[in-house]
Amino acid sequence: MEIVNPNWERTLRMNIQTETMKNTFIDILYPNKEKGAGTLRKVSEMWNFFPKVGKVVKVPPSMMMSSWMGSDFNNDDLVKETTLVDNYTGKFTTSSDPSLHTIELIPLKNTVTVWGKIILIVKKDNLMPVKEEYFDEKVQKIRTLYFSDYKNMGGRLIPAKLELIPEGKVNQKTIIRYVKAQFDTKLPNDTFSLINLQRKR
């Protein structure tokens, strides 16, 4: 993950393990000052481990939209507390490109989110995502997430590059690049546990 803003740049390397859309385990590998930090999400709960103080800290729901590791991605982006399928209604809208689907997503009334609308653009031929545009409750665009560099990893075609650009912030963006991906692998039973969050460090 490359974080770029007008004042500084930094790069992190991480290993991410997921199980369906419910469990996520993130292990920071680089740089050394962040090495050993980790994030665990189980269903709707999330914890961070900070090796310098040796403590696990639970992330309250009010902090899900806060920045993750100083990037433009927030906690909810990386652990997906809300999912597009379960928490939004969608409809197709007119697309200027006949090779693309444009879908407007509106959150359900009981969905806890800051987004008033999301525009999702995907390729018609393989349903690969191209772009996601996020709008606040006043329908003002807040950020755009671009997908590119499609590669076959682990037997599946995926966008290997994700670039998130916030609106109105010059020379600021966060890029995630997938180096390797595996699917349908057998994980230890305690992978998504607080014990594992601390033990791996």
C-alpha atoms as a PDB file:
ATOM      1  CA  MET A   1       0.000   0.000   0.000  1.00  0.00           C
ATOM      2  CA  GLU A   2       1.466   3.338  -1.136  1.00  0.00           C
ATOM      3  CA  ILE A   3       0.261   6.459   0.670  1.00  0.00           C
ATOM      4  CA  VAL A   4       0.943   9.745  -1.118  1.00  0.00           C
ATOM      5  CA  ASN A   5       0.174  13.279   0.037  1.00  0.00           C
ATOM      6  CA  PRO A   6       1.796  16.684  -0.522  1.00  0.00           C
ATOM      7  CA  ASN A   7       3.985  16.412   2.598  1.00  0.00           C
ATOM      8  CA  TRP A   8       5.201  12.811   2.665  1.00  0.00           C
ATOM      9  CA  GLU A   9       5.005   9.354   1.140  1.00  0.00           C
ATOM     10  CA  ARG A  10       5.179   5.926   2.736  1.00  0.00           C
ATOM     11  CA  THR A  11       4.825   2.300   1.673  1.00  0.00           C
ATOM     12  CA  LEU A  12       3.493  -0.647   3.666  1.00  0.00           C
ATOM     13  CA  ARG A  13       3.548  -4.354   2.849  1.00  0.00           C
ATOM     14  CA  MET A  14       0.955  -6.626   4.367  1.00  0.00           C
ATOM     15  CA  ASN A  15      -0.565 -10.079   4.295  1.00  0.00           C
ATOM     16  CA  ILE A  16      -4.362 -10.226   4.283  1.00  0.00           C
ATOM     17  CA  GLN A  17      -6.428 -13.353   4.979  1.00  0.00           C
ATOM     18  CA  THR A  18     -10.190 -13.376   4.552  1.00  0.00           C
ATOM     19  CA  GLU A  19     -13.015 -15.850   5.092  1.00  0.00           C
ATOM     20  CA  THR A  20     -16.191 -15.053   3.142  1.00  0.00           C
ATOM     21  CA  MET A  21     -17.169 -11.426   3.851  1.00  0.00           C
ATOM     22  CA  LYS A  22     -17.233 -11.906   7.615  1.00  0.00           C
ATOM     23  CA  ASN A  23     -13.661 -12.396   8.828  1.00  0.00           C
ATOM     24  CA  THR A  24     -10.462 -10.536   7.964  1.00  0.00           C
ATOM     25  CA  PHE A  25      -6.927 -10.749   9.350  1.00  0.00           C
ATOM     26  CA  ILE A  26      -4.309  -8.174   8.309  1.00  0.00           C
ATOM     27  CA  ASP A  27      -0.643  -8.559   9.236  1.00  0.00           C
ATOM     28  CA  ILE A  28       1.752  -5.661   8.600  1.00  0.00           C
ATOM     29  CA  LEU A  29       5.123  -6.895   7.306  1.00  0.00           C
ATOM     30  CA  TYR A  30       6.911  -3.624   6.409  1.00  0.00           C
ATOM     31  CA  PRO A  31       8.242  -1.055   7.333  1.00  0.00           C
ATOM     32  CA  ASN A  32      10.012  -2.182  10.479  1.00  0.00           C
ATOM     33  CA  LYS A  33       8.422   0.471  12.694  1.00  0.00           C
ATOM     34  CA  GLU A  34       4.963  -0.906  11.831  1.00  0.00           C
ATOM     35  CA  LYS A  35       5.994  -4.556  11.495  1.00  0.00           C
ATOM     36  CA  GLY A  36       3.919  -6.769  13.749  1.00  0.00           C
ATOM     37  CA  ALA A  37       0.904  -4.473  13.836  1.00  0.00           C
ATOM     38  CA  GLY A  38      -2.294  -6.203  12.889  1.00  0.00           C
ATOM     39  CA  THR A  39      -6.015  -5.880  12.372  1.00  0.00           C
ATOM     40  CA  LEU A  40      -8.683  -8.486  13.077  1.00  0.00           C
ATOM     41  CA  ARG A  41     -12.292  -8.252  12.014  1.00  0.00           C
ATOM     42  CA  LYS A  42     -14.908 -10.821  13.040  1.00  0.00           C
ATOM     43  CA  VAL A  43     -18.354 -10.172  11.607  1.00  0.00           C
ATOM     44  CA  SER A  44     -19.112  -6.634  12.874  1.00  0.00           C
ATOM     45  CA  GLU A  45     -16.316  -6.296  15.452  1.00  0.00           C
ATOM     46  CA  MET A  46     -12.765  -5.107  14.837  1.00  0.00           C
ATOM     47  CA  TRP A  47      -9.525  -4.976  16.827  1.00  0.00           C
ATOM     48  CA  ASN A  48      -6.053  -3.528  16.213  1.00  0.00           C
ATOM     49  CA  PHE A  49      -2.843  -4.821  17.764  1.00  0.00           C
ATOM     50  CA  PHE A  50       0.030  -2.391  18.416  1.00  0.00           C
ATOM     51  CA  PRO A  51       3.317  -4.229  19.085  1.00  0.00           C
ATOM     52  CA  LYS A  52       5.110  -1.203  20.587  1.00  0.00           C
ATOM     53  CA  VAL A  53       2.732  -1.188  23.542  1.00  0.00           C
ATOM     54  CA  GLY A  54       1.746  -4.856  23.287  1.00  0.00           C
ATOM     55  CA  LYS A  55      -1.951  -4.062  23.439  1.00  0.00           C
ATOM     56  CA  VAL A  56      -5.067  -5.090  21.556  1.00  0.00           C
ATOM     57  CA  VAL A  57      -7.527  -2.213  21.095  1.00  0.00           C
ATOM     58  CA  LYS A  58     -11.120  -2.718  20.022  1.00  0.00           C
ATOM     59  CA  VAL A  59     -12.334  -0.326  17.330  1.00  0.00           C
ATOM     60  CA  PRO A  60     -15.773   1.130  18.176  1.00  0.00           C
ATOM     61  CA  PRO A  61     -18.403   1.496  15.426  1.00  0.00           C
ATOM     62  CA  SER A  62     -17.936   5.270  15.570  1.00  0.00           C
ATOM     63  CA  MET A  63     -14.348   4.823  14.329  1.00  0.00           C
ATOM     64  CA  MET A  64     -15.107   2.590  11.329  1.00  0.00           C
ATOM     65  CA  MET A  65     -14.910   5.553   8.947  1.00  0.00           C
ATOM     66  CA  SER A  66     -11.559   6.730  10.366  1.00  0.00           C
ATOM     67  CA  SER A  67      -8.333   6.424   8.383  1.00  0.00           C
ATOM     68  CA  TRP A  68      -6.574   3.048   8.434  1.00  0.00           C
ATOM     69  CA  MET A  69      -2.785   3.275   8.922  1.00  0.00           C
ATOM     70  CA  GLY A  70      -2.815   6.905   7.778  1.00  0.00           C
ATOM     71  CA  SER A  71      -4.169   6.083   4.312  1.00  0.00           C
ATOM     72  CA  ASP A  72      -7.183   7.384   2.386  1.00  0.00           C
ATOM     73  CA  PHE A  73      -8.851   4.022   3.031  1.00  0.00           C
ATOM     74  CA  ASN A  74     -10.844   3.810   6.235  1.00  0.00           C
ATOM     75  CA  ASN A  75     -11.403   0.917   8.617  1.00  0.00           C
ATOM     76  CA  ASP A  76     -14.661  -0.031   6.901  1.00  0.00           C
ATOM     77  CA  ASP A  77     -12.981  -0.202   3.472  1.00  0.00           C
ATOM     78  CA  LEU A  78     -10.456  -2.800   4.545  1.00  0.00           C
ATOM     79  CA  VAL A  79     -12.631  -4.953   6.733  1.00  0.00           C
ATOM     80  CA  LYS A  80     -15.914  -4.426   4.881  1.00  0.00           C
ATOM     81  CA  GLU A  81     -18.248  -4.062   7.831  1.00  0.00           C
ATOM     82  CA  THR A  82     -20.919  -3.021   5.352  1.00  0.00           C
ATOM     83  CA  THR A  83     -21.341  -4.905   2.084  1.00  0.00           C
ATOM     84  CA  LEU A  84     -22.887  -3.638  -1.105  1.00  0.00           C
ATOM     85  CA  VAL A  85     -25.103  -6.710  -1.493  1.00  0.00           C
ATOM     86  CA  ASP A  86     -26.657  -6.659   1.980  1.00  0.00           C
ATOM     87  CA  ASN A  87     -26.833  -2.948   2.717  1.00  0.00           C
ATOM     88  CA  TYR A  88     -27.641  -1.217  -0.573  1.00  0.00           C
ATOM     89  CA  THR A  89     -30.288  -1.310  -3.286  1.00  0.00           C
ATOM     90  CA  GLY A  90     -29.022  -0.996  -6.846  1.00  0.00           C
ATOM     91  CA  LYS A  91     -30.350   0.011 -10.227  1.00  0.00           C
ATOM     92  CA  PHE A  92     -28.785   0.248 -13.671  1.00  0.00           C
ATOM     93  CA  THR A  93     -28.381   3.750 -15.072  1.00  0.00           C
ATOM     94  CA  THR A  94     -27.437   5.035 -18.518  1.00  0.00           C
ATOM     95  CA  SER A  95     -23.790   4.456 -19.405  1.00  0.00           C
ATOM     96  CA  SER A  96     -21.882   6.544 -21.947  1.00  0.00           C
ATOM     97  CA  ASP A  97     -19.752   3.499 -22.793  1.00  0.00           C
ATOM     98  CA  PRO A  98     -21.682   0.502 -24.226  1.00  0.00           C
ATOM     99  CA  SER A  99     -19.016  -1.882 -22.902  1.00  0.00           C
ATOM    100  CA  LEU A 100     -19.702  -0.872 -19.292  1.00  0.00           C
ATOM    101  CA  HIS A 101     -22.475  -1.302 -16.741  1.00  0.00           C
ATOM    102  CA  THR A 102     -23.228   1.725 -14.541  1.00  0.00           C
ATOM    103  CA  ILE A 103     -25.021   0.885 -11.289  1.00  0.00           C
ATOM    104  CA  GLU A 104     -26.356   3.360  -8.733  1.00  0.00           C
ATOM    105  CA  LEU A 105     -26.330   2.070  -5.157  1.00  0.00           C
ATOM    106  CA  ILE A 106     -28.455   3.659  -2.421  1.00  0.00           C
ATOM    107  CA  PRO A 107     -28.055   2.544   1.226  1.00  0.00           C
ATOM    108  CA  LEU A 108     -31.006   0.896   2.947  1.00  0.00           C
ATOM    109  CA  LYS A 109     -32.657   2.857   5.751  1.00  0.00           C
ATOM    110  CA  ASN A 110     -31.060   0.710   8.477  1.00  0.00           C
ATOM    111  CA  THR A 111     -27.573   0.809   6.925  1.00  0.00           C
ATOM    112  CA  VAL A 112     -25.019   2.620   9.080  1.00  0.00           C
ATOM    113  CA  THR A 113     -22.861   4.499   6.577  1.00  0.00           C
ATOM    114  CA  VAL A 114     -21.757   8.020   5.680  1.00  0.00           C
ATOM    115  CA  TRP A 115     -22.359   7.372   1.995  1.00  0.00           C
ATOM    116  CA  GLY A 116     -25.541   8.735   0.477  1.00  0.00           C
ATOM    117  CA  LYS A 117     -24.841   7.071  -2.864  1.00  0.00           C
ATOM    118  CA  ILE A 118     -22.232   4.926  -4.611  1.00  0.00           C
ATOM    119  CA  ILE A 119     -21.830   4.699  -8.382  1.00  0.00           C
ATOM    120  CA  LEU A 120     -20.327   1.383  -9.449  1.00  0.00           C
ATOM    121  CA  ILE A 121     -18.941   0.910 -12.972  1.00  0.00           C
ATOM    122  CA  VAL A 122     -18.050  -2.595 -14.197  1.00  0.00           C
ATOM    123  CA  LYS A 123     -17.086  -4.216 -17.474  1.00  0.00           C
ATOM    124  CA  LYS A 124     -19.924  -6.051 -19.180  1.00  0.00           C
ATOM    125  CA  ASP A 125     -17.827  -8.886 -20.602  1.00  0.00           C
ATOM    126  CA  ASN A 126     -16.162 -10.120 -17.382  1.00  0.00           C
ATOM    127  CA  LEU A 127     -17.858  -8.020 -14.648  1.00  0.00           C
ATOM    128  CA  MET A 128     -14.514  -6.662 -13.482  1.00  0.00           C
ATOM    129  CA  PRO A 129     -14.858  -3.383 -11.527  1.00  0.00           C
ATOM    130  CA  VAL A 130     -13.555  -0.248 -13.222  1.00  0.00           C
ATOM    131  CA  LYS A 131     -14.483   2.564 -10.869  1.00  0.00           C
ATOM    132  CA  GLU A 132     -16.466   3.349  -7.726  1.00  0.00           C
ATOM    133  CA  GLU A 133     -17.593   6.892  -6.951  1.00  0.00           C
ATOM    134  CA  TYR A 134     -18.643   7.736  -3.380  1.00  0.00           C
ATOM    135  CA  PHE A 135     -21.077  10.551  -2.518  1.00  0.00           C
ATOM    136  CA  ASP A 136     -22.118  11.965   0.834  1.00  0.00           C
ATOM    137  CA  GLU A 137     -25.707  12.493   2.013  1.00  0.00           C
ATOM    138  CA  LYS A 138     -25.783  15.827   0.151  1.00  0.00           C
ATOM    139  CA  VAL A 139     -24.836  13.954  -3.066  1.00  0.00           C
ATOM    140  CA  GLN A 140     -21.426  15.609  -3.222  1.00  0.00           C
ATOM    141  CA  LYS A 141     -18.658  13.358  -4.526  1.00  0.00           C
ATOM    142  CA  ILE A 142     -16.125  12.629  -1.795  1.00  0.00           C
ATOM    143  CA  ARG A 143     -13.745  10.166  -3.432  1.00  0.00           C
ATOM    144  CA  THR A 144     -13.184   7.838  -6.388  1.00  0.00           C
ATOM    145  CA  LEU A 145     -11.730   4.338  -6.330  1.00  0.00           C
ATOM    146  CA  TYR A 146     -10.150   3.148  -9.591  1.00  0.00           C
ATOM    147  CA  PHE A 147      -9.463  -0.508 -10.475  1.00  0.00           C
ATOM    148  CA  SER A 148      -6.843  -1.515 -13.056  1.00  0.00           C
ATOM    149  CA  ASP A 149      -3.946  -3.850 -13.926  1.00  0.00           C
ATOM    150  CA  TYR A 150      -6.158  -6.939 -14.274  1.00  0.00           C
ATOM    151  CA  LYS A 151      -4.201 -10.137 -13.715  1.00  0.00           C
ATOM    152  CA  ASN A 152      -4.837 -13.832 -13.275  1.00  0.00           C
ATOM    153  CA  MET A 153      -3.827 -14.670  -9.708  1.00  0.00           C
ATOM    154  CA  GLY A 154      -4.585 -17.936  -8.003  1.00  0.00           C
ATOM    155  CA  GLY A 155      -6.693 -19.036 -10.944  1.00  0.00           C
ATOM    156  CA  ARG A 156      -8.916 -15.954 -10.925  1.00  0.00           C
ATOM    157  CA  LEU A 157      -8.929 -12.673 -12.811  1.00  0.00           C
ATOM    158  CA  ILE A 158      -8.707  -9.745 -10.391  1.00  0.00           C
ATOM    159  CA  PRO A 159      -7.776  -6.043 -10.542  1.00  0.00           C
ATOM    160  CA  ALA A 160      -4.272  -6.025  -9.098  1.00  0.00           C
ATOM    161  CA  LYS A 161      -4.226  -2.250  -8.577  1.00  0.00           C
ATOM    162  CA  LEU A 162      -6.663  -0.145  -6.529  1.00  0.00           C
ATOM    163  CA  GLU A 163      -6.188   3.630  -6.503  1.00  0.00           C
ATOM    164  CA  LEU A 164      -8.243   5.772  -4.135  1.00  0.00           C
ATOM    165  CA  ILE A 165      -8.307   9.528  -4.815  1.00  0.00           C
ATOM    166  CA  PRO A 166     -10.147  11.916  -2.473  1.00  0.00           C
ATOM    167  CA  GLU A 167     -11.935  14.922  -3.972  1.00  0.00           C
ATOM    168  CA  GLY A 168     -10.447  18.376  -3.457  1.00  0.00           C
ATOM    169  CA  LYS A 169      -7.106  17.157  -2.106  1.00  0.00           C
ATOM    170  CA  VAL A 170      -4.264  17.935  -4.502  1.00  0.00           C
ATOM    171  CA  ASN A 171      -1.508  15.331  -4.910  1.00  0.00           C
ATOM    172  CA  GLN A 172      -3.098  12.935  -2.430  1.00  0.00           C
ATOM    173  CA  LYS A 173      -3.969   9.293  -3.055  1.00  0.00           C
ATOM    174  CA  THR A 174      -3.554   5.760  -1.761  1.00  0.00           C
ATOM    175  CA  ILE A 175      -2.645   2.811  -3.984  1.00  0.00           C
ATOM    176  CA  ILE A 176      -3.009  -0.864  -3.103  1.00  0.00           C
ATOM    177  CA  ARG A 177      -1.191  -3.389  -5.288  1.00  0.00           C
ATOM    178  CA  TYR A 178      -1.783  -7.127  -4.997  1.00  0.00           C
ATOM    179  CA  VAL A 179       1.498  -9.005  -5.410  1.00  0.00           C
ATOM    180  CA  LYS A 180       0.125 -12.521  -4.970  1.00  0.00           C
ATOM    181  CA  ALA A 181      -3.303 -14.002  -4.275  1.00  0.00           C
ATOM    182  CA  GLN A 182      -4.544 -17.473  -3.347  1.00  0.00           C
ATOM    183  CA  PHE A 183      -8.122 -18.691  -3.093  1.00  0.00           C
ATOM    184  CA  ASP A 184      -9.931 -21.581  -1.398  1.00  0.00           C
ATOM    185  CA  THR A 185      -6.940 -22.371   0.803  1.00  0.00           C
ATOM    186  CA  LYS A 186      -7.249 -24.155   4.129  1.00  0.00           C
ATOM    187  CA  LEU A 187      -6.626 -21.820   7.069  1.00  0.00           C
ATOM    188  CA  PRO A 188      -5.983 -22.834  10.696  1.00  0.00           C
ATOM    189  CA  ASN A 189      -9.137 -22.819  12.824  1.00  0.00           C
ATOM    190  CA  ASP A 190      -7.801 -20.048  15.065  1.00  0.00           C
ATOM    191  CA  THR A 191      -6.734 -17.702  12.245  1.00  0.00           C
ATOM    192  CA  PHE A 192      -9.453 -15.177  13.049  1.00  0.00           C
ATOM    193  CA  SER A 193      -8.967 -14.986  16.797  1.00  0.00           C
ATOM    194  CA  LEU A 194      -7.626 -12.489  19.324  1.00  0.00           C
ATOM    195  CA  ILE A 195      -5.102 -15.080  20.450  1.00  0.00           C
ATOM    196  CA  ASN A 196      -3.715 -15.304  16.930  1.00  0.00           C
ATOM    197  CA  LEU A 197      -3.662 -11.507  16.626  1.00  0.00           C
ATOM    198  CA  GLN A 198      -1.179 -11.385  19.482  1.00  0.00           C
ATOM    199  CA  ARG A 199       0.619 -14.704  18.986  1.00  0.00           C
ATOM    200  CA  LYS A 200       1.796 -13.962  15.440  1.00  0.00           C
ATOM    201  CA  ARG A 201       3.764 -11.113  16.958  1.00  0.00           C
END
